[in-house]
Amino acid sequence: MTGLSPINTLEYDIELCTGCGMCSIVCPHGVFEQTDHTALAVNPDACIECGACQLNCPTGAIRVDSGVGCAAALIRAAVVGADKVSCDPEDSSCCSVSG
């Protein structure tokens, strides 16, 4: 497994990829792009750690700590009715909610 981004927990082992394309189908932010025989992580910094790619990868080629990143902040904001969600990794309150 190789970490792909310094701002999230996404890890990907391209050697385990069979090219099924599920990761590129389910990712809401276009982190993966399907080629003829494998998926490429073309935008790993866009990962919001929702876990959809990991849950849908039949070979276990993808790992991510779902529930720790911006997806968790967005869900938490919706549940508590927050006015603001910060998902900027440069912001010291990254992935926090307020309001």
PDB file of N, CA and C in Angstrom:
ATOM      1  N   MET A   1       0.844  -1.190   0.000  1.00  0.00           N
ATOM      2  CA  MET A   1       0.000   0.000   0.000  1.00  0.00           C
ATOM      3  C   MET A   1       0.883   1.245   0.000  1.00  0.00           C
ATOM      4  N   THR A   2       0.466   2.188  -0.772  1.00  0.00           N
ATOM      5  CA  THR A   2       1.191   3.444  -0.867  1.00  0.00           C
ATOM      6  C   THR A   2       0.256   4.588  -0.521  1.00  0.00           C
ATOM      7  N   GLY A   3       0.682   5.456   0.404  1.00  0.00           N
ATOM      8  CA  GLY A   3      -0.072   6.661   0.710  1.00  0.00           C
ATOM      9  C   GLY A   3      -0.007   7.590  -0.483  1.00  0.00           C
ATOM     10  N   LEU A   4      -1.127   8.187  -0.836  1.00  0.00           N
ATOM     11  CA  LEU A   4      -1.183   8.992  -2.052  1.00  0.00           C
ATOM     12  C   LEU A   4      -1.184  10.485  -1.821  1.00  0.00           C
ATOM     13  N   SER A   5      -1.513  10.903  -0.616  1.00  0.00           N
ATOM     14  CA  SER A   5      -1.660  12.327  -0.367  1.00  0.00           C
ATOM     15  C   SER A   5      -1.247  12.657   1.060  1.00  0.00           C
ATOM     16  N   PRO A   6      -0.607  13.795   1.246  1.00  0.00           N
ATOM     17  CA  PRO A   6      -0.244  14.194   2.613  1.00  0.00           C
ATOM     18  C   PRO A   6      -1.428  14.750   3.413  1.00  0.00           C
ATOM     19  N   ILE A   7      -2.591  14.936   2.763  1.00  0.00           N
ATOM     20  CA  ILE A   7      -3.715  15.559   3.463  1.00  0.00           C
ATOM     21  C   ILE A   7      -4.867  14.604   3.760  1.00  0.00           C
ATOM     22  N   ASN A   8      -4.699  13.309   3.436  1.00  0.00           N
ATOM     23  CA  ASN A   8      -5.737  12.339   3.772  1.00  0.00           C
ATOM     24  C   ASN A   8      -5.107  10.961   3.979  1.00  0.00           C
ATOM     25  N   THR A   9      -5.927   9.988   4.302  1.00  0.00           N
ATOM     26  CA  THR A   9      -5.432   8.654   4.656  1.00  0.00           C
ATOM     27  C   THR A   9      -5.524   7.655   3.503  1.00  0.00           C
ATOM     28  N   LEU A  10      -5.812   8.116   2.307  1.00  0.00           N
ATOM     29  CA  LEU A  10      -5.990   7.245   1.154  1.00  0.00           C
ATOM     30  C   LEU A  10      -4.705   6.492   0.812  1.00  0.00           C
ATOM     31  N   GLU A  11      -4.841   5.159   0.709  1.00  0.00           N
ATOM     32  CA  GLU A  11      -3.735   4.302   0.295  1.00  0.00           C
ATOM     33  C   GLU A  11      -4.220   3.414  -0.846  1.00  0.00           C
ATOM     34  N   TYR A  12      -3.321   3.113  -1.789  1.00  0.00           N
ATOM     35  CA  TYR A  12      -3.708   2.347  -2.971  1.00  0.00           C
ATOM     36  C   TYR A  12      -2.565   1.435  -3.386  1.00  0.00           C
ATOM     37  N   ASP A  13      -2.898   0.173  -3.623  1.00  0.00           N
ATOM     38  CA  ASP A  13      -1.928  -0.804  -4.116  1.00  0.00           C
ATOM     39  C   ASP A  13      -2.317  -1.168  -5.542  1.00  0.00           C
ATOM     40  N   ILE A  14      -1.690  -0.528  -6.496  1.00  0.00           N
ATOM     41  CA  ILE A  14      -2.024  -0.721  -7.900  1.00  0.00           C
ATOM     42  C   ILE A  14      -1.798  -2.162  -8.356  1.00  0.00           C
ATOM     43  N   GLU A  15      -0.919  -2.880  -7.672  1.00  0.00           N
ATOM     44  CA  GLU A  15      -0.653  -4.275  -8.016  1.00  0.00           C
ATOM     45  C   GLU A  15      -1.870  -5.171  -7.755  1.00  0.00           C
ATOM     46  N   LEU A  16      -2.743  -4.776  -6.837  1.00  0.00           N
ATOM     47  CA  LEU A  16      -3.943  -5.548  -6.532  1.00  0.00           C
ATOM     48  C   LEU A  16      -5.128  -5.188  -7.430  1.00  0.00           C
ATOM     49  N   CYS A  17      -5.000  -4.108  -8.174  1.00  0.00           N
ATOM     50  CA  CYS A  17      -6.094  -3.631  -9.016  1.00  0.00           C
ATOM     51  C   CYS A  17      -6.325  -4.577 -10.189  1.00  0.00           C
ATOM     52  N   THR A  18      -7.596  -4.953 -10.395  1.00  0.00           N
ATOM     53  CA  THR A  18      -7.971  -5.808 -11.526  1.00  0.00           C
ATOM     54  C   THR A  18      -8.614  -5.015 -12.659  1.00  0.00           C
ATOM     55  N   GLY A  19      -8.782  -3.724 -12.460  1.00  0.00           N
ATOM     56  CA  GLY A  19      -9.354  -2.888 -13.501  1.00  0.00           C
ATOM     57  C   GLY A  19     -10.863  -2.946 -13.592  1.00  0.00           C
ATOM     58  N   CYS A  20     -11.539  -3.277 -12.507  1.00  0.00           N
ATOM     59  CA  CYS A  20     -13.004  -3.390 -12.540  1.00  0.00           C
ATOM     60  C   CYS A  20     -13.679  -2.029 -12.718  1.00  0.00           C
ATOM     61  N   GLY A  21     -13.031  -0.961 -12.280  1.00  0.00           N
ATOM     62  CA  GLY A  21     -13.559   0.385 -12.451  1.00  0.00           C
ATOM     63  C   GLY A  21     -14.509   0.866 -11.379  1.00  0.00           C
ATOM     64  N   MET A  22     -14.784   0.059 -10.370  1.00  0.00           N
ATOM     65  CA  MET A  22     -15.733   0.471  -9.339  1.00  0.00           C
ATOM     66  C   MET A  22     -15.296   1.729  -8.603  1.00  0.00           C
ATOM     67  N   CYS A  23     -14.014   1.865  -8.331  1.00  0.00           N
ATOM     68  CA  CYS A  23     -13.545   3.045  -7.599  1.00  0.00           C
ATOM     69  C   CYS A  23     -13.841   4.328  -8.371  1.00  0.00           C
ATOM     70  N   SER A  24     -13.632   4.298  -9.672  1.00  0.00           N
ATOM     71  CA  SER A  24     -13.887   5.493 -10.471  1.00  0.00           C
ATOM     72  C   SER A  24     -15.383   5.766 -10.615  1.00  0.00           C
ATOM     73  N   ILE A  25     -16.197   4.730 -10.518  1.00  0.00           N
ATOM     74  CA  ILE A  25     -17.649   4.898 -10.604  1.00  0.00           C
ATOM     75  C   ILE A  25     -18.220   5.504  -9.323  1.00  0.00           C
ATOM     76  N   VAL A  26     -17.760   5.029  -8.162  1.00  0.00           N
ATOM     77  CA  VAL A  26     -18.379   5.434  -6.894  1.00  0.00           C
ATOM     78  C   VAL A  26     -17.755   6.671  -6.252  1.00  0.00           C
ATOM     79  N   CYS A  27     -16.567   7.067  -6.667  1.00  0.00           N
ATOM     80  CA  CYS A  27     -15.909   8.222  -6.032  1.00  0.00           C
ATOM     81  C   CYS A  27     -16.615   9.520  -6.413  1.00  0.00           C
ATOM     82  N   PRO A  28     -17.099  10.280  -5.422  1.00  0.00           N
ATOM     83  CA  PRO A  28     -17.813  11.523  -5.720  1.00  0.00           C
ATOM     84  C   PRO A  28     -16.904  12.675  -6.139  1.00  0.00           C
ATOM     85  N   HIS A  29     -15.589  12.501  -6.035  1.00  0.00           N
ATOM     86  CA  HIS A  29     -14.674  13.598  -6.356  1.00  0.00           C
ATOM     87  C   HIS A  29     -13.648  13.260  -7.434  1.00  0.00           C
ATOM     88  N   GLY A  30     -13.846  12.181  -8.158  1.00  0.00           N
ATOM     89  CA  GLY A  30     -12.974  11.861  -9.283  1.00  0.00           C
ATOM     90  C   GLY A  30     -11.540  11.579  -8.919  1.00  0.00           C
ATOM     91  N   VAL A  31     -11.329  10.934  -7.788  1.00  0.00           N
ATOM     92  CA  VAL A  31      -9.968  10.602  -7.372  1.00  0.00           C
ATOM     93  C   VAL A  31      -9.345   9.578  -8.314  1.00  0.00           C
ATOM     94  N   PHE A  32     -10.153   8.617  -8.761  1.00  0.00           N
ATOM     95  CA  PHE A  32      -9.649   7.546  -9.621  1.00  0.00           C
ATOM     96  C   PHE A  32     -10.175   7.694 -11.046  1.00  0.00           C
ATOM     97  N   GLU A  33      -9.334   7.281 -11.996  1.00  0.00           N
ATOM     98  CA  GLU A  33      -9.719   7.262 -13.400  1.00  0.00           C
ATOM     99  C   GLU A  33      -9.388   5.890 -13.957  1.00  0.00           C
ATOM    100  N   GLN A  34     -10.324   5.318 -14.663  1.00  0.00           N
ATOM    101  CA  GLN A  34     -10.147   3.985 -15.212  1.00  0.00           C
ATOM    102  C   GLN A  34      -9.376   4.030 -16.526  1.00  0.00           C
ATOM    103  N   THR A  35      -8.377   3.164 -16.655  1.00  0.00           N
ATOM    104  CA  THR A  35      -7.675   2.982 -17.920  1.00  0.00           C
ATOM    105  C   THR A  35      -8.086   1.618 -18.466  1.00  0.00           C
ATOM    106  N   ASP A  36      -7.411   1.127 -19.458  1.00  0.00           N
ATOM    107  CA  ASP A  36      -7.769  -0.161 -20.051  1.00  0.00           C
ATOM    108  C   ASP A  36      -7.677  -1.316 -19.062  1.00  0.00           C
ATOM    109  N   HIS A  37      -6.654  -1.319 -18.218  1.00  0.00           N
ATOM    110  CA  HIS A  37      -6.424  -2.482 -17.359  1.00  0.00           C
ATOM    111  C   HIS A  37      -6.307  -2.184 -15.878  1.00  0.00           C
ATOM    112  N   THR A  38      -6.370  -0.925 -15.508  1.00  0.00           N
ATOM    113  CA  THR A  38      -6.188  -0.584 -14.100  1.00  0.00           C
ATOM    114  C   THR A  38      -6.783   0.796 -13.817  1.00  0.00           C
ATOM    115  N   ALA A  39      -6.909   1.105 -12.566  1.00  0.00           N
ATOM    116  CA  ALA A  39      -7.344   2.439 -12.162  1.00  0.00           C
ATOM    117  C   ALA A  39      -6.115   3.254 -11.790  1.00  0.00           C
ATOM    118  N   LEU A  40      -6.157   4.529 -12.098  1.00  0.00           N
ATOM    119  CA  LEU A  40      -5.087   5.435 -11.710  1.00  0.00           C
ATOM    120  C   LEU A  40      -5.639   6.446 -10.718  1.00  0.00           C
ATOM    121  N   ALA A  41      -4.868   6.739  -9.711  1.00  0.00           N
ATOM    122  CA  ALA A  41      -5.254   7.771  -8.744  1.00  0.00           C
ATOM    123  C   ALA A  41      -4.809   9.107  -9.326  1.00  0.00           C
ATOM    124  N   VAL A  42      -5.707   9.771 -10.038  1.00  0.00           N
ATOM    125  CA  VAL A  42      -5.365  10.990 -10.760  1.00  0.00           C
ATOM    126  C   VAL A  42      -5.539  12.256  -9.930  1.00  0.00           C
ATOM    127  N   ASN A  43      -6.297  12.169  -8.840  1.00  0.00           N
ATOM    128  CA  ASN A  43      -6.553  13.353  -8.023  1.00  0.00           C
ATOM    129  C   ASN A  43      -6.668  12.968  -6.548  1.00  0.00           C
ATOM    130  N   PRO A  44      -5.608  12.394  -5.965  1.00  0.00           N
ATOM    131  CA  PRO A  44      -5.708  11.882  -4.592  1.00  0.00           C
ATOM    132  C   PRO A  44      -5.977  12.947  -3.534  1.00  0.00           C
ATOM    133  N   ASP A  45      -5.569  14.182  -3.770  1.00  0.00           N
ATOM    134  CA  ASP A  45      -5.825  15.237  -2.787  1.00  0.00           C
ATOM    135  C   ASP A  45      -7.305  15.581  -2.678  1.00  0.00           C
ATOM    136  N   ALA A  46      -8.107  15.179  -3.669  1.00  0.00           N
ATOM    137  CA  ALA A  46      -9.538  15.467  -3.649  1.00  0.00           C
ATOM    138  C   ALA A  46     -10.319  14.479  -2.784  1.00  0.00           C
ATOM    139  N   CYS A  47      -9.657  13.449  -2.285  1.00  0.00           N
ATOM    140  CA  CYS A  47     -10.326  12.434  -1.474  1.00  0.00           C
ATOM    141  C   CYS A  47     -10.884  13.054  -0.197  1.00  0.00           C
ATOM    142  N   ILE A  48     -12.176  12.802   0.052  1.00  0.00           N
ATOM    143  CA  ILE A  48     -12.809  13.306   1.276  1.00  0.00           C
ATOM    144  C   ILE A  48     -12.998  12.190   2.303  1.00  0.00           C
ATOM    145  N   GLU A  49     -12.354  11.057   2.060  1.00  0.00           N
ATOM    146  CA  GLU A  49     -12.337   9.930   2.988  1.00  0.00           C
ATOM    147  C   GLU A  49     -13.734   9.403   3.309  1.00  0.00           C
ATOM    148  N   CYS A  50     -14.570   9.335   2.287  1.00  0.00           N
ATOM    149  CA  CYS A  50     -15.924   8.810   2.499  1.00  0.00           C
ATOM    150  C   CYS A  50     -15.937   7.289   2.592  1.00  0.00           C
ATOM    151  N   GLY A  51     -14.947   6.636   1.979  1.00  0.00           N
ATOM    152  CA  GLY A  51     -14.837   5.188   2.055  1.00  0.00           C
ATOM    153  C   GLY A  51     -15.545   4.421   0.962  1.00  0.00           C
ATOM    154  N   ALA A  52     -16.200   5.105   0.034  1.00  0.00           N
ATOM    155  CA  ALA A  52     -16.933   4.415  -1.027  1.00  0.00           C
ATOM    156  C   ALA A  52     -16.017   3.554  -1.885  1.00  0.00           C
ATOM    157  N   CYS A  53     -14.850   4.046  -2.205  1.00  0.00           N
ATOM    158  CA  CYS A  53     -13.920   3.280  -3.040  1.00  0.00           C
ATOM    159  C   CYS A  53     -13.469   2.002  -2.336  1.00  0.00           C
ATOM    160  N   GLN A  54     -13.133   2.121  -1.081  1.00  0.00           N
ATOM    161  CA  GLN A  54     -12.694   0.952  -0.311  1.00  0.00           C
ATOM    162  C   GLN A  54     -13.795  -0.094  -0.200  1.00  0.00           C
ATOM    163  N   LEU A  55     -14.999   0.347   0.080  1.00  0.00           N
ATOM    164  CA  LEU A  55     -16.126  -0.577   0.230  1.00  0.00           C
ATOM    165  C   LEU A  55     -16.454  -1.308  -1.066  1.00  0.00           C
ATOM    166  N   ASN A  56     -16.171  -0.688  -2.198  1.00  0.00           N
ATOM    167  CA  ASN A  56     -16.532  -1.266  -3.490  1.00  0.00           C
ATOM    168  C   ASN A  56     -15.375  -1.909  -4.228  1.00  0.00           C
ATOM    169  N   CYS A  57     -14.187  -1.906  -3.651  1.00  0.00           N
ATOM    170  CA  CYS A  57     -13.033  -2.534  -4.293  1.00  0.00           C
ATOM    171  C   CYS A  57     -13.013  -4.023  -3.945  1.00  0.00           C
ATOM    172  N   PRO A  58     -13.216  -4.896  -4.931  1.00  0.00           N
ATOM    173  CA  PRO A  58     -13.311  -6.327  -4.635  1.00  0.00           C
ATOM    174  C   PRO A  58     -11.986  -6.983  -4.254  1.00  0.00           C
ATOM    175  N   THR A  59     -10.867  -6.317  -4.507  1.00  0.00           N
ATOM    176  CA  THR A  59      -9.567  -6.927  -4.219  1.00  0.00           C
ATOM    177  C   THR A  59      -8.861  -6.326  -3.016  1.00  0.00           C
ATOM    178  N   GLY A  60      -9.437  -5.309  -2.399  1.00  0.00           N
ATOM    179  CA  GLY A  60      -8.795  -4.665  -1.254  1.00  0.00           C
ATOM    180  C   GLY A  60      -7.603  -3.803  -1.632  1.00  0.00           C
ATOM    181  N   ALA A  61      -7.599  -3.298  -2.853  1.00  0.00           N
ATOM    182  CA  ALA A  61      -6.485  -2.480  -3.318  1.00  0.00           C
ATOM    183  C   ALA A  61      -6.494  -1.078  -2.724  1.00  0.00           C
ATOM    184  N   ILE A  62      -7.612  -0.676  -2.146  1.00  0.00           N
ATOM    185  CA  ILE A  62      -7.767   0.683  -1.631  1.00  0.00           C
ATOM    186  C   ILE A  62      -8.085   0.632  -0.149  1.00  0.00           C
ATOM    187  N   ARG A  63      -7.398   1.486   0.593  1.00  0.00           N
ATOM    188  CA  ARG A  63      -7.693   1.657   2.021  1.00  0.00           C
ATOM    189  C   ARG A  63      -7.800   3.139   2.330  1.00  0.00           C
ATOM    190  N   VAL A  64      -8.738   3.462   3.187  1.00  0.00           N
ATOM    191  CA  VAL A  64      -8.908   4.834   3.641  1.00  0.00           C
ATOM    192  C   VAL A  64      -9.600   4.786   4.996  1.00  0.00           C
ATOM    193  N   ASP A  65      -9.211   5.657   5.890  1.00  0.00           N
ATOM    194  CA  ASP A  65      -9.854   5.738   7.201  1.00  0.00           C
ATOM    195  C   ASP A  65     -11.132   6.558   7.047  1.00  0.00           C
ATOM    196  N   SER A  66     -12.212   5.901   6.659  1.00  0.00           N
ATOM    197  CA  SER A  66     -13.465   6.629   6.470  1.00  0.00           C
ATOM    198  C   SER A  66     -13.977   7.134   7.808  1.00  0.00           C
ATOM    199  N   GLY A  67     -14.599   8.286   7.762  1.00  0.00           N
ATOM    200  CA  GLY A  67     -15.155   8.879   8.974  1.00  0.00           C
ATOM    201  C   GLY A  67     -14.213   9.834   9.682  1.00  0.00           C
ATOM    202  N   VAL A  68     -13.027  10.087   9.102  1.00  0.00           N
ATOM    203  CA  VAL A  68     -12.089  10.993   9.763  1.00  0.00           C
ATOM    204  C   VAL A  68     -11.890  12.289   8.993  1.00  0.00           C
ATOM    205  N   GLY A  69     -12.369  12.366   7.784  1.00  0.00           N
ATOM    206  CA  GLY A  69     -12.083  13.514   6.931  1.00  0.00           C
ATOM    207  C   GLY A  69     -13.282  14.400   6.684  1.00  0.00           C
ATOM    208  N   CYS A  70     -13.252  15.035   5.538  1.00  0.00           N
ATOM    209  CA  CYS A  70     -14.271  16.017   5.194  1.00  0.00           C
ATOM    210  C   CYS A  70     -15.649  15.412   5.037  1.00  0.00           C
ATOM    211  N   ALA A  71     -15.745  14.174   4.583  1.00  0.00           N
ATOM    212  CA  ALA A  71     -17.061  13.540   4.482  1.00  0.00           C
ATOM    213  C   ALA A  71     -17.697  13.469   5.861  1.00  0.00           C
ATOM    214  N   ALA A  72     -16.907  13.136   6.863  1.00  0.00           N
ATOM    215  CA  ALA A  72     -17.426  13.084   8.227  1.00  0.00           C
ATOM    216  C   ALA A  72     -17.876  14.467   8.683  1.00  0.00           C
ATOM    217  N   ALA A  73     -17.135  15.485   8.320  1.00  0.00           N
ATOM    218  CA  ALA A  73     -17.504  16.849   8.702  1.00  0.00           C
ATOM    219  C   ALA A  73     -18.806  17.270   8.031  1.00  0.00           C
ATOM    220  N   LEU A  74     -18.989  16.907   6.769  1.00  0.00           N
ATOM    221  CA  LEU A  74     -20.217  17.257   6.059  1.00  0.00           C
ATOM    222  C   LEU A  74     -21.424  16.557   6.674  1.00  0.00           C
ATOM    223  N   ILE A  75     -21.274  15.296   7.011  1.00  0.00           N
ATOM    224  CA  ILE A  75     -22.363  14.554   7.638  1.00  0.00           C
ATOM    225  C   ILE A  75     -22.676  15.135   9.008  1.00  0.00           C
ATOM    226  N   ARG A  76     -21.628  15.405   9.785  1.00  0.00           N
ATOM    227  CA  ARG A  76     -21.813  15.984  11.123  1.00  0.00           C
ATOM    228  C   ARG A  76     -22.525  17.336  11.029  1.00  0.00           C
ATOM    229  N   ALA A  77     -22.146  18.149  10.037  1.00  0.00           N
ATOM    230  CA  ALA A  77     -22.781  19.460   9.862  1.00  0.00           C
ATOM    231  C   ALA A  77     -24.265  19.317   9.551  1.00  0.00           C
ATOM    232  N   ALA A  78     -24.607  18.338   8.713  1.00  0.00           N
ATOM    233  CA  ALA A  78     -26.007  18.118   8.378  1.00  0.00           C
ATOM    234  C   ALA A  78     -26.799  17.667   9.596  1.00  0.00           C
ATOM    235  N   VAL A  79     -26.207  16.812  10.403  1.00  0.00           N
ATOM    236  CA  VAL A  79     -26.896  16.282  11.582  1.00  0.00           C
ATOM    237  C   VAL A  79     -27.128  17.367  12.625  1.00  0.00           C
ATOM    238  N   VAL A  80     -26.131  18.204  12.852  1.00  0.00           N
ATOM    239  CA  VAL A  80     -26.258  19.225  13.900  1.00  0.00           C
ATOM    240  C   VAL A  80     -26.799  20.551  13.374  1.00  0.00           C
ATOM    241  N   GLY A  81     -27.007  20.661  12.065  1.00  0.00           N
ATOM    242  CA  GLY A  81     -27.542  21.886  11.490  1.00  0.00           C
ATOM    243  C   GLY A  81     -26.549  23.029  11.483  1.00  0.00           C
ATOM    244  N   ALA A  82     -25.273  22.726  11.318  1.00  0.00           N
ATOM    245  CA  ALA A  82     -24.237  23.760  11.319  1.00  0.00           C
ATOM    246  C   ALA A  82     -24.338  24.633  10.070  1.00  0.00           C
ATOM    247  N   ASP A  83     -23.950  25.877  10.226  1.00  0.00           N
ATOM    248  CA  ASP A  83     -23.965  26.821   9.113  1.00  0.00           C
ATOM    249  C   ASP A  83     -22.708  26.744   8.261  1.00  0.00           C
ATOM    250  N   LYS A  84     -21.603  26.279   8.847  1.00  0.00           N
ATOM    251  CA  LYS A  84     -20.328  26.322   8.147  1.00  0.00           C
ATOM    252  C   LYS A  84     -19.556  25.019   8.349  1.00  0.00           C
ATOM    253  N   VAL A  85     -18.951  24.555   7.257  1.00  0.00           N
ATOM    254  CA  VAL A  85     -18.073  23.387   7.299  1.00  0.00           C
ATOM    255  C   VAL A  85     -16.755  23.807   6.680  1.00  0.00           C
ATOM    256  N   SER A  86     -15.665  23.562   7.377  1.00  0.00           N
ATOM    257  CA  SER A  86     -14.352  23.887   6.848  1.00  0.00           C
ATOM    258  C   SER A  86     -13.627  22.597   6.484  1.00  0.00           C
ATOM    259  N   CYS A  87     -13.289  22.460   5.213  1.00  0.00           N
ATOM    260  CA  CYS A  87     -12.561  21.276   4.760  1.00  0.00           C
ATOM    261  C   CYS A  87     -11.268  21.672   4.075  1.00  0.00           C
ATOM    262  N   ASP A  88     -10.736  22.808   4.425  1.00  0.00           N
ATOM    263  CA  ASP A  88      -9.498  23.306   3.847  1.00  0.00           C
ATOM    264  C   ASP A  88      -8.330  22.807   4.681  1.00  0.00           C
ATOM    265  N   PRO A  89      -7.447  21.946   4.116  1.00  0.00           N
ATOM    266  CA  PRO A  89      -6.336  21.414   4.901  1.00  0.00           C
ATOM    267  C   PRO A  89      -5.343  22.475   5.364  1.00  0.00           C
ATOM    268  N   GLU A  90      -5.373  23.637   4.747  1.00  0.00           N
ATOM    269  CA  GLU A  90      -4.507  24.731   5.175  1.00  0.00           C
ATOM    270  C   GLU A  90      -5.081  25.462   6.385  1.00  0.00           C
ATOM    271  N   ASP A  91      -6.347  25.220   6.648  1.00  0.00           N
ATOM    272  CA  ASP A  91      -7.057  25.855   7.762  1.00  0.00           C
ATOM    273  C   ASP A  91      -6.817  25.025   9.024  1.00  0.00           C
ATOM    274  N   SER A  92      -6.494  25.667  10.101  1.00  0.00           N
ATOM    275  CA  SER A  92      -6.209  24.929  11.339  1.00  0.00           C
ATOM    276  C   SER A  92      -7.457  24.225  11.884  1.00  0.00           C
ATOM    277  N   SER A  93      -8.636  24.634  11.451  1.00  0.00           N
ATOM    278  CA  SER A  93      -9.854  23.980  11.894  1.00  0.00           C
ATOM    279  C   SER A  93     -10.390  23.049  10.802  1.00  0.00           C
ATOM    280  N   CYS A  94      -9.487  22.480  10.039  1.00  0.00           N
ATOM    281  CA  CYS A  94      -9.875  21.607   8.923  1.00  0.00           C
ATOM    282  C   CYS A  94     -10.913  20.584   9.344  1.00  0.00           C
ATOM    283  N   CYS A  95     -11.904  20.464   8.524  1.00  0.00           N
ATOM    284  CA  CYS A  95     -12.966  19.479   8.722  1.00  0.00           C
ATOM    285  C   CYS A  95     -13.705  19.678  10.039  1.00  0.00           C
ATOM    286  N   SER A  96     -13.925  20.913  10.381  1.00  0.00           N
ATOM    287  CA  SER A  96     -14.683  21.215  11.592  1.00  0.00           C
ATOM    288  C   SER A  96     -16.017  21.857  11.194  1.00  0.00           C
ATOM    289  N   VAL A  97     -16.926  21.906  12.138  1.00  0.00           N
ATOM    290  CA  VAL A  97     -18.221  22.542  11.898  1.00  0.00           C
ATOM    291  C   VAL A  97     -18.421  23.648  12.903  1.00  0.00           C
ATOM    292  N   SER A  98     -19.179  24.652  12.496  1.00  0.00           N
ATOM    293  CA  SER A  98     -19.511  25.742  13.425  1.00  0.00           C
ATOM    294  C   SER A  98     -20.881  26.276  13.072  1.00  0.00           C
ATOM    295  N   GLY A  99     -21.443  26.943  14.026  1.00  0.00           N
ATOM    296  CA  GLY A  99     -22.737  27.566  13.806  1.00  0.00           C
ATOM    297  C   GLY A  99     -23.792  26.787  14.369  1.00  0.00           C
TER     298      GLY A  99
END
